[in-house]
Amino acid sequence: MPSTDALQPPLTSGEKEIVKSYGGWTPFMQSFALKPSEKEDVQEAKQILEVFLEDDEK
């Protein structure tokens, strides 16, 4: 597990499942060219997760 996974913000159970499918927080963020250490990137990653959850509900 990369040490940057410790920077993961609180996630819902649905968000955790999505992140887990990518192999963790760091790989999830890297797949979208985001950096776990950048606050703005973390916010963008959370928005991406919210969109994924909305799509799953449809």
PDB file of N, CA and C in Angstrom:
ATOM      1  N   MET A   1       0.843  -1.175   0.000  1.00  0.00           N
ATOM      2  CA  MET A   1       0.000   0.000   0.000  1.00  0.00           C
ATOM      3  C   MET A   1       0.888   1.237   0.000  1.00  0.00           C
ATOM      4  N   PRO A   2       0.686   2.128  -0.955  1.00  0.00           N
ATOM      5  CA  PRO A   2       1.471   3.369  -0.981  1.00  0.00           C
ATOM      6  C   PRO A   2       1.178   4.224   0.250  1.00  0.00           C
ATOM      7  N   SER A   3       2.187   4.926   0.727  1.00  0.00           N
ATOM      8  CA  SER A   3       1.997   5.768   1.907  1.00  0.00           C
ATOM      9  C   SER A   3       0.982   6.870   1.648  1.00  0.00           C
ATOM     10  N   THR A   4       0.800   7.266   0.393  1.00  0.00           N
ATOM     11  CA  THR A   4      -0.168   8.309   0.083  1.00  0.00           C
ATOM     12  C   THR A   4      -1.610   7.826   0.240  1.00  0.00           C
ATOM     13  N   ASP A   5      -1.832   6.514   0.376  1.00  0.00           N
ATOM     14  CA  ASP A   5      -3.177   6.018   0.657  1.00  0.00           C
ATOM     15  C   ASP A   5      -3.662   6.525   2.008  1.00  0.00           C
ATOM     16  N   ALA A   6      -2.726   6.875   2.904  1.00  0.00           N
ATOM     17  CA  ALA A   6      -3.095   7.405   4.212  1.00  0.00           C
ATOM     18  C   ALA A   6      -3.734   8.791   4.090  1.00  0.00           C
ATOM     19  N   LEU A   7      -3.609   9.429   2.933  1.00  0.00           N
ATOM     20  CA  LEU A   7      -4.194  10.746   2.707  1.00  0.00           C
ATOM     21  C   LEU A   7      -5.648  10.661   2.250  1.00  0.00           C
ATOM     22  N   GLN A   8      -6.172   9.459   2.151  1.00  0.00           N
ATOM     23  CA  GLN A   8      -7.548   9.268   1.698  1.00  0.00           C
ATOM     24  C   GLN A   8      -8.514   9.961   2.652  1.00  0.00           C
ATOM     25  N   PRO A   9      -9.425  10.759   2.116  1.00  0.00           N
ATOM     26  CA  PRO A   9     -10.422  11.410   2.975  1.00  0.00           C
ATOM     27  C   PRO A   9     -11.483  10.398   3.400  1.00  0.00           C
ATOM     28  N   PRO A  10     -12.343  10.777   4.315  1.00  0.00           N
ATOM     29  CA  PRO A  10     -13.443   9.875   4.677  1.00  0.00           C
ATOM     30  C   PRO A  10     -14.315   9.594   3.453  1.00  0.00           C
ATOM     31  N   LEU A  11     -14.642   8.326   3.257  1.00  0.00           N
ATOM     32  CA  LEU A  11     -15.439   7.911   2.104  1.00  0.00           C
ATOM     33  C   LEU A  11     -16.650   7.122   2.563  1.00  0.00           C
ATOM     34  N   THR A  12     -17.708   7.180   1.770  1.00  0.00           N
ATOM     35  CA  THR A  12     -18.870   6.343   2.034  1.00  0.00           C
ATOM     36  C   THR A  12     -18.529   4.905   1.642  1.00  0.00           C
ATOM     37  N   SER A  13     -19.384   3.991   2.005  1.00  0.00           N
ATOM     38  CA  SER A  13     -19.114   2.592   1.657  1.00  0.00           C
ATOM     39  C   SER A  13     -19.101   2.400   0.143  1.00  0.00           C
ATOM     40  N   GLY A  14     -19.991   3.091  -0.560  1.00  0.00           N
ATOM     41  CA  GLY A  14     -20.008   2.998  -2.021  1.00  0.00           C
ATOM     42  C   GLY A  14     -18.740   3.548  -2.638  1.00  0.00           C
ATOM     43  N   GLU A  15     -18.272   4.678  -2.118  1.00  0.00           N
ATOM     44  CA  GLU A  15     -17.032   5.273  -2.612  1.00  0.00           C
ATOM     45  C   GLU A  15     -15.844   4.350  -2.340  1.00  0.00           C
ATOM     46  N   LYS A  16     -15.852   3.726  -1.169  1.00  0.00           N
ATOM     47  CA  LYS A  16     -14.760   2.803  -0.824  1.00  0.00           C
ATOM     48  C   LYS A  16     -14.700   1.629  -1.792  1.00  0.00           C
ATOM     49  N   GLU A  17     -15.859   1.134  -2.201  1.00  0.00           N
ATOM     50  CA  GLU A  17     -15.891   0.014  -3.145  1.00  0.00           C
ATOM     51  C   GLU A  17     -15.293   0.421  -4.493  1.00  0.00           C
ATOM     52  N   ILE A  18     -15.609   1.620  -4.943  1.00  0.00           N
ATOM     53  CA  ILE A  18     -15.056   2.099  -6.207  1.00  0.00           C
ATOM     54  C   ILE A  18     -13.549   2.240  -6.102  1.00  0.00           C
ATOM     55  N   VAL A  19     -13.085   2.870  -5.033  1.00  0.00           N
ATOM     56  CA  VAL A  19     -11.647   3.071  -4.829  1.00  0.00           C
ATOM     57  C   VAL A  19     -10.932   1.729  -4.738  1.00  0.00           C
ATOM     58  N   LYS A  20     -11.543   0.785  -4.043  1.00  0.00           N
ATOM     59  CA  LYS A  20     -10.950  -0.556  -3.903  1.00  0.00           C
ATOM     60  C   LYS A  20     -10.781  -1.231  -5.257  1.00  0.00           C
ATOM     61  N   SER A  21     -11.730  -0.992  -6.168  1.00  0.00           N
ATOM     62  CA  SER A  21     -11.633  -1.623  -7.491  1.00  0.00           C
ATOM     63  C   SER A  21     -10.444  -1.092  -8.289  1.00  0.00           C
ATOM     64  N   TYR A  22      -9.927   0.054  -7.914  1.00  0.00           N
ATOM     65  CA  TYR A  22      -8.745   0.633  -8.558  1.00  0.00           C
ATOM     66  C   TYR A  22      -7.458   0.219  -7.844  1.00  0.00           C
ATOM     67  N   GLY A  23      -7.579  -0.458  -6.722  1.00  0.00           N
ATOM     68  CA  GLY A  23      -6.406  -0.893  -5.987  1.00  0.00           C
ATOM     69  C   GLY A  23      -6.021   0.021  -4.843  1.00  0.00           C
ATOM     70  N   GLY A  24      -6.874   0.999  -4.543  1.00  0.00           N
ATOM     71  CA  GLY A  24      -6.605   1.907  -3.433  1.00  0.00           C
ATOM     72  C   GLY A  24      -6.725   3.357  -3.863  1.00  0.00           C
ATOM     73  N   TRP A  25      -6.588   4.236  -2.876  1.00  0.00           N
ATOM     74  CA  TRP A  25      -6.758   5.665  -3.111  1.00  0.00           C
ATOM     75  C   TRP A  25      -5.729   6.221  -4.093  1.00  0.00           C
ATOM     76  N   THR A  26      -4.477   5.868  -3.895  1.00  0.00           N
ATOM     77  CA  THR A  26      -3.418   6.401  -4.760  1.00  0.00           C
ATOM     78  C   THR A  26      -3.604   5.954  -6.214  1.00  0.00           C
ATOM     79  N   PRO A  27      -3.793   4.664  -6.483  1.00  0.00           N
ATOM     80  CA  PRO A  27      -4.015   4.265  -7.877  1.00  0.00           C
ATOM     81  C   PRO A  27      -5.275   4.899  -8.481  1.00  0.00           C
ATOM     82  N   PHE A  28      -6.318   5.057  -7.671  1.00  0.00           N
ATOM     83  CA  PHE A  28      -7.530   5.709  -8.164  1.00  0.00           C
ATOM     84  C   PHE A  28      -7.208   7.121  -8.634  1.00  0.00           C
ATOM     85  N   MET A  29      -6.528   7.882  -7.794  1.00  0.00           N
ATOM     86  CA  MET A  29      -6.194   9.260  -8.150  1.00  0.00           C
ATOM     87  C   MET A  29      -5.240   9.317  -9.341  1.00  0.00           C
ATOM     88  N   GLN A  30      -4.267   8.450  -9.356  1.00  0.00           N
ATOM     89  CA  GLN A  30      -3.302   8.459 -10.450  1.00  0.00           C
ATOM     90  C   GLN A  30      -3.963   8.114 -11.780  1.00  0.00           C
ATOM     91  N   SER A  31      -5.007   7.312 -11.753  1.00  0.00           N
ATOM     92  CA  SER A  31      -5.680   6.957 -12.998  1.00  0.00           C
ATOM     93  C   SER A  31      -6.355   8.167 -13.646  1.00  0.00           C
ATOM     94  N   PHE A  32      -6.556   9.228 -12.863  1.00  0.00           N
ATOM     95  CA  PHE A  32      -7.132  10.472 -13.384  1.00  0.00           C
ATOM     96  C   PHE A  32      -6.109  11.603 -13.386  1.00  0.00           C
ATOM     97  N   ALA A  33      -4.827  11.236 -13.304  1.00  0.00           N
ATOM     98  CA  ALA A  33      -3.717  12.207 -13.306  1.00  0.00           C
ATOM     99  C   ALA A  33      -3.828  13.210 -12.159  1.00  0.00           C
ATOM    100  N   LEU A  34      -4.310  12.715 -11.003  1.00  0.00           N
ATOM    101  CA  LEU A  34      -4.433  13.548  -9.811  1.00  0.00           C
ATOM    102  C   LEU A  34      -3.390  13.143  -8.782  1.00  0.00           C
ATOM    103  N   LYS A  35      -3.005  14.092  -7.942  1.00  0.00           N
ATOM    104  CA  LYS A  35      -1.998  13.836  -6.911  1.00  0.00           C
ATOM    105  C   LYS A  35      -2.671  13.797  -5.534  1.00  0.00           C
ATOM    106  N   PRO A  36      -2.468  12.708  -4.788  1.00  0.00           N
ATOM    107  CA  PRO A  36      -3.094  12.587  -3.473  1.00  0.00           C
ATOM    108  C   PRO A  36      -2.661  13.664  -2.483  1.00  0.00           C
ATOM    109  N   SER A  37      -1.523  14.289  -2.709  1.00  0.00           N
ATOM    110  CA  SER A  37      -1.017  15.295  -1.775  1.00  0.00           C
ATOM    111  C   SER A  37      -1.543  16.699  -2.070  1.00  0.00           C
ATOM    112  N   GLU A  38      -2.289  16.864  -3.171  1.00  0.00           N
ATOM    113  CA  GLU A  38      -2.829  18.172  -3.548  1.00  0.00           C
ATOM    114  C   GLU A  38      -4.301  18.273  -3.141  1.00  0.00           C
ATOM    115  N   LYS A  39      -4.612  19.255  -2.303  1.00  0.00           N
ATOM    116  CA  LYS A  39      -5.971  19.407  -1.777  1.00  0.00           C
ATOM    117  C   LYS A  39      -7.014  19.527  -2.897  1.00  0.00           C
ATOM    118  N   GLU A  40      -6.705  20.313  -3.917  1.00  0.00           N
ATOM    119  CA  GLU A  40      -7.641  20.493  -5.030  1.00  0.00           C
ATOM    120  C   GLU A  40      -7.864  19.190  -5.782  1.00  0.00           C
ATOM    121  N   ASP A  41      -6.817  18.392  -5.925  1.00  0.00           N
ATOM    122  CA  ASP A  41      -6.934  17.100  -6.607  1.00  0.00           C
ATOM    123  C   ASP A  41      -7.798  16.138  -5.798  1.00  0.00           C
ATOM    124  N   VAL A  42      -7.659  16.182  -4.478  1.00  0.00           N
ATOM    125  CA  VAL A  42      -8.479  15.318  -3.614  1.00  0.00           C
ATOM    126  C   VAL A  42      -9.950  15.698  -3.770  1.00  0.00           C
ATOM    127  N   GLN A  43     -10.234  16.988  -3.811  1.00  0.00           N
ATOM    128  CA  GLN A  43     -11.609  17.439  -4.006  1.00  0.00           C
ATOM    129  C   GLN A  43     -12.153  16.979  -5.356  1.00  0.00           C
ATOM    130  N   GLU A  44     -11.312  17.049  -6.383  1.00  0.00           N
ATOM    131  CA  GLU A  44     -11.736  16.587  -7.704  1.00  0.00           C
ATOM    132  C   GLU A  44     -11.999  15.083  -7.704  1.00  0.00           C
ATOM    133  N   ALA A  45     -11.160  14.333  -7.012  1.00  0.00           N
ATOM    134  CA  ALA A  45     -11.353  12.883  -6.926  1.00  0.00           C
ATOM    135  C   ALA A  45     -12.676  12.558  -6.236  1.00  0.00           C
ATOM    136  N   LYS A  46     -13.013  13.309  -5.189  1.00  0.00           N
ATOM    137  CA  LYS A  46     -14.291  13.096  -4.502  1.00  0.00           C
ATOM    138  C   LYS A  46     -15.455  13.384  -5.449  1.00  0.00           C
ATOM    139  N   GLN A  47     -15.329  14.409  -6.277  1.00  0.00           N
ATOM    140  CA  GLN A  47     -16.381  14.721  -7.240  1.00  0.00           C
ATOM    141  C   GLN A  47     -16.526  13.599  -8.267  1.00  0.00           C
ATOM    142  N   ILE A  48     -15.412  13.049  -8.687  1.00  0.00           N
ATOM    143  CA  ILE A  48     -15.440  11.919  -9.631  1.00  0.00           C
ATOM    144  C   ILE A  48     -16.168  10.744  -8.993  1.00  0.00           C
ATOM    145  N   LEU A  49     -15.867  10.460  -7.736  1.00  0.00           N
ATOM    146  CA  LEU A  49     -16.535   9.366  -7.032  1.00  0.00           C
ATOM    147  C   LEU A  49     -18.042   9.597  -6.953  1.00  0.00           C
ATOM    148  N   GLU A  50     -18.436  10.828  -6.693  1.00  0.00           N
ATOM    149  CA  GLU A  50     -19.865  11.141  -6.607  1.00  0.00           C
ATOM    150  C   GLU A  50     -20.565  10.878  -7.940  1.00  0.00           C
ATOM    151  N   VAL A  51     -19.905  11.229  -9.040  1.00  0.00           N
ATOM    152  CA  VAL A  51     -20.482  10.983 -10.369  1.00  0.00           C
ATOM    153  C   VAL A  51     -20.583   9.480 -10.618  1.00  0.00           C
ATOM    154  N   PHE A  52     -19.546   8.738 -10.240  1.00  0.00           N
ATOM    155  CA  PHE A  52     -19.584   7.285 -10.414  1.00  0.00           C
ATOM    156  C   PHE A  52     -20.755   6.688  -9.641  1.00  0.00           C
ATOM    157  N   LEU A  53     -20.969   7.153  -8.424  1.00  0.00           N
ATOM    158  CA  LEU A  53     -22.067   6.625  -7.607  1.00  0.00           C
ATOM    159  C   LEU A  53     -23.414   6.970  -8.228  1.00  0.00           C
ATOM    160  N   GLU A  54     -23.554   8.185  -8.757  1.00  0.00           N
ATOM    161  CA  GLU A  54     -24.799   8.567  -9.417  1.00  0.00           C
ATOM    162  C   GLU A  54     -25.056   7.675 -10.621  1.00  0.00           C
ATOM    163  N   ASP A  55     -24.017   7.381 -11.389  1.00  0.00           N
ATOM    164  CA  ASP A  55     -24.162   6.517 -12.566  1.00  0.00           C
ATOM    165  C   ASP A  55     -24.563   5.100 -12.143  1.00  0.00           C
ATOM    166  N   ASP A  56     -24.000   4.618 -11.024  1.00  0.00           N
ATOM    167  CA  ASP A  56     -24.335   3.276 -10.544  1.00  0.00           C
ATOM    168  C   ASP A  56     -25.812   3.181 -10.125  1.00  0.00           C
ATOM    169  N   GLU A  57     -26.342   4.300  -9.612  1.00  0.00           N
ATOM    170  CA  GLU A  57     -27.725   4.303  -9.151  1.00  0.00           C
ATOM    171  C   GLU A  57     -28.722   4.332 -10.301  1.00  0.00           C
ATOM    172  N   LYS A  58     -28.276   4.759 -11.470  1.00  0.00           N
ATOM    173  CA  LYS A  58     -29.196   4.850 -12.629  1.00  0.00           C
ATOM    174  C   LYS A  58     -29.392   3.544 -13.307  1.00  0.00           C
TER     175      LYS A  58
END
